[in-house]
Amino acid sequence: MNPQPEPYLGNIVALAIVASFFYFYMKACAEGKKINSSDLFTIGYIERDDAPVINLQQNVSKQDAPDFESQQLYVDCIDALHSIGFKKTEAKKRAKQIFSSMKNPPTSVQDFLMIALRND
């Protein structure tokens, strides 16, 4: 059989751990360090930017019109149709049809959804 350590050995180890903890705590207090749990680390932070500015051009001729497929509103409209149950290809086709056929394309996702679902 393997010999077991004496029972008082565990008490000595525990006492040594408590004494070292107390020693380092007193050392930190003597150096003037403020012990505060919020000073130890940062869990996270929030960055806030101002809302993006959207410039809508009105009365633009067809040749001066920007490519609507590269605009964020077009992508958001496709994503909105996809999120309410349309297939991705069908959503792209419907958005392209609405943006290219209208003289004044929709200026918000809500306007686009009203037009797209009215035609459904």
Protein backbone atom coordinates (compact mmCIF):
# COMPACT_ATOMS: atom_id res chain seq x y z
CA MET A 1 0.00 0.00 0.00
CA ASN A 2 0.97 3.55 -0.58
CA PRO A 3 1.67 5.50 2.54
CA GLN A 4 -0.69 8.44 3.10
CA PRO A 5 0.52 11.87 4.25
CA GLU A 6 -0.11 12.86 7.79
CA PRO A 7 -3.45 14.70 8.42
CA TYR A 8 -1.78 17.83 9.79
CA LEU A 9 0.13 18.35 6.49
CA GLY A 10 -3.06 19.60 4.75
CA ASN A 11 -3.61 22.12 7.54
CA ILE A 12 -0.08 23.45 7.11
CA VAL A 13 -0.54 23.89 3.33
CA ALA A 14 -3.89 25.68 3.81
CA LEU A 15 -2.36 27.97 6.43
CA ALA A 16 0.53 28.80 4.06
CA ILE A 17 -1.92 29.73 1.26
CA VAL A 18 -3.98 31.96 3.57
CA ALA A 19 -0.82 33.61 4.92
CA SER A 20 0.53 34.31 1.42
CA PHE A 21 -2.84 35.78 0.33
CA PHE A 22 -2.87 38.02 3.39
CA TYR A 23 0.78 39.05 2.77
CA PHE A 24 0.14 40.10 -0.85
CA TYR A 25 -3.08 41.91 0.12
CA MET A 26 -1.25 43.94 2.77
CA LYS A 27 1.61 44.63 0.34
CA ALA A 28 -0.85 46.01 -2.24
CA CYS A 29 -2.53 48.19 0.38
CA ALA A 30 0.86 49.51 1.56
CA GLU A 31 1.81 50.52 -1.99
CA GLY A 32 -1.38 52.55 -2.20
CA LYS A 33 -3.07 50.51 -4.90
CA LYS A 34 -6.81 50.84 -4.83
CA ILE A 35 -8.43 47.44 -4.76
CA ASN A 36 -11.60 47.72 -6.80
CA SER A 37 -13.03 44.98 -8.96
CA SER A 38 -13.96 47.43 -11.74
CA ASP A 39 -10.30 48.48 -12.10
CA LEU A 40 -9.04 45.01 -12.88
CA PHE A 41 -10.27 44.55 -16.47
CA THR A 42 -12.73 45.83 -19.04
CA ILE A 43 -15.51 43.52 -20.11
CA GLY A 44 -16.59 45.63 -23.08
CA TYR A 45 -17.45 49.07 -24.30
CA ILE A 46 -19.93 50.73 -26.63
CA GLU A 47 -18.98 52.91 -29.56
CA ARG A 48 -21.67 55.25 -30.76
CA ASP A 49 -21.48 56.95 -34.10
CA ASP A 50 -23.89 59.53 -35.36
CA ALA A 51 -26.58 58.27 -37.67
CA PRO A 52 -25.41 58.05 -41.28
CA VAL A 53 -26.49 60.85 -43.56
CA ILE A 54 -28.39 59.73 -46.64
CA ASN A 55 -28.44 62.11 -49.54
CA LEU A 56 -31.26 61.47 -51.96
CA GLN A 57 -31.00 63.02 -55.37
CA GLN A 58 -34.27 64.21 -56.83
CA ASN A 59 -35.03 64.92 -60.50
CA VAL A 60 -32.07 63.02 -61.88
CA SER A 61 -32.15 62.14 -65.55
CA LYS A 62 -31.72 58.51 -66.61
CA GLN A 63 -28.18 58.98 -67.91
CA ASP A 64 -27.08 60.85 -64.75
CA ALA A 65 -28.82 58.41 -62.41
CA PRO A 66 -26.49 56.41 -60.20
CA ASP A 67 -26.51 52.66 -60.51
CA PHE A 68 -29.20 51.63 -58.03
CA GLU A 69 -27.74 48.13 -57.61
CA SER A 70 -24.74 49.56 -55.79
CA GLN A 71 -26.84 51.59 -53.34
CA GLN A 72 -27.41 50.40 -49.78
CA LEU A 73 -31.17 51.01 -50.02
CA TYR A 74 -31.40 48.49 -52.88
CA VAL A 75 -29.54 45.87 -50.84
CA ASP A 76 -31.70 46.58 -47.78
CA CYS A 77 -34.86 46.17 -49.86
CA ILE A 78 -33.69 42.79 -51.16
CA ASP A 79 -32.88 41.71 -47.60
CA ALA A 80 -36.30 42.88 -46.40
CA LEU A 81 -38.09 40.82 -49.05
CA HIS A 82 -35.91 37.83 -48.27
CA SER A 83 -36.62 38.13 -44.53
CA ILE A 84 -40.40 38.07 -45.06
CA GLY A 85 -40.24 34.82 -47.02
CA PHE A 86 -39.31 35.51 -50.64
CA LYS A 87 -36.53 33.48 -52.23
CA LYS A 88 -33.32 35.46 -52.73
CA THR A 89 -33.49 35.32 -56.54
CA GLU A 90 -37.15 36.33 -56.57
CA ALA A 91 -36.42 39.20 -54.17
CA LYS A 92 -33.59 40.45 -56.41
CA LYS A 93 -35.79 40.22 -59.50
CA ARG A 94 -38.67 42.09 -57.86
CA ALA A 95 -36.39 44.82 -56.45
CA LYS A 96 -34.69 45.33 -59.81
CA GLN A 97 -38.07 45.55 -61.52
CA ILE A 98 -39.39 48.13 -59.05
CA PHE A 99 -36.24 50.29 -59.00
CA SER A 100 -35.79 50.29 -62.78
CA SER A 101 -39.42 50.77 -63.81
CA MET A 102 -40.42 53.64 -61.52
CA LYS A 103 -39.72 57.27 -62.38
CA ASN A 104 -39.23 58.12 -58.71
CA PRO A 105 -37.83 55.02 -56.97
CA PRO A 106 -38.76 54.43 -53.33
CA THR A 107 -36.79 56.41 -50.77
CA SER A 108 -37.14 53.98 -47.86
CA VAL A 109 -37.53 50.29 -47.23
CA GLN A 110 -41.08 50.84 -45.97
CA ASP A 111 -42.09 52.55 -49.23
CA PHE A 112 -40.46 49.76 -51.21
CA LEU A 113 -42.30 47.05 -49.25
CA MET A 114 -45.63 48.80 -49.76
CA ILE A 115 -45.02 48.86 -53.53
CA ALA A 116 -43.62 45.33 -53.72
CA LEU A 117 -46.38 43.73 -51.69
CA ARG A 118 -49.13 45.73 -53.40
CA ASN A 119 -48.03 44.25 -56.73
CA ASP A 120 -48.03 40.76 -55.26
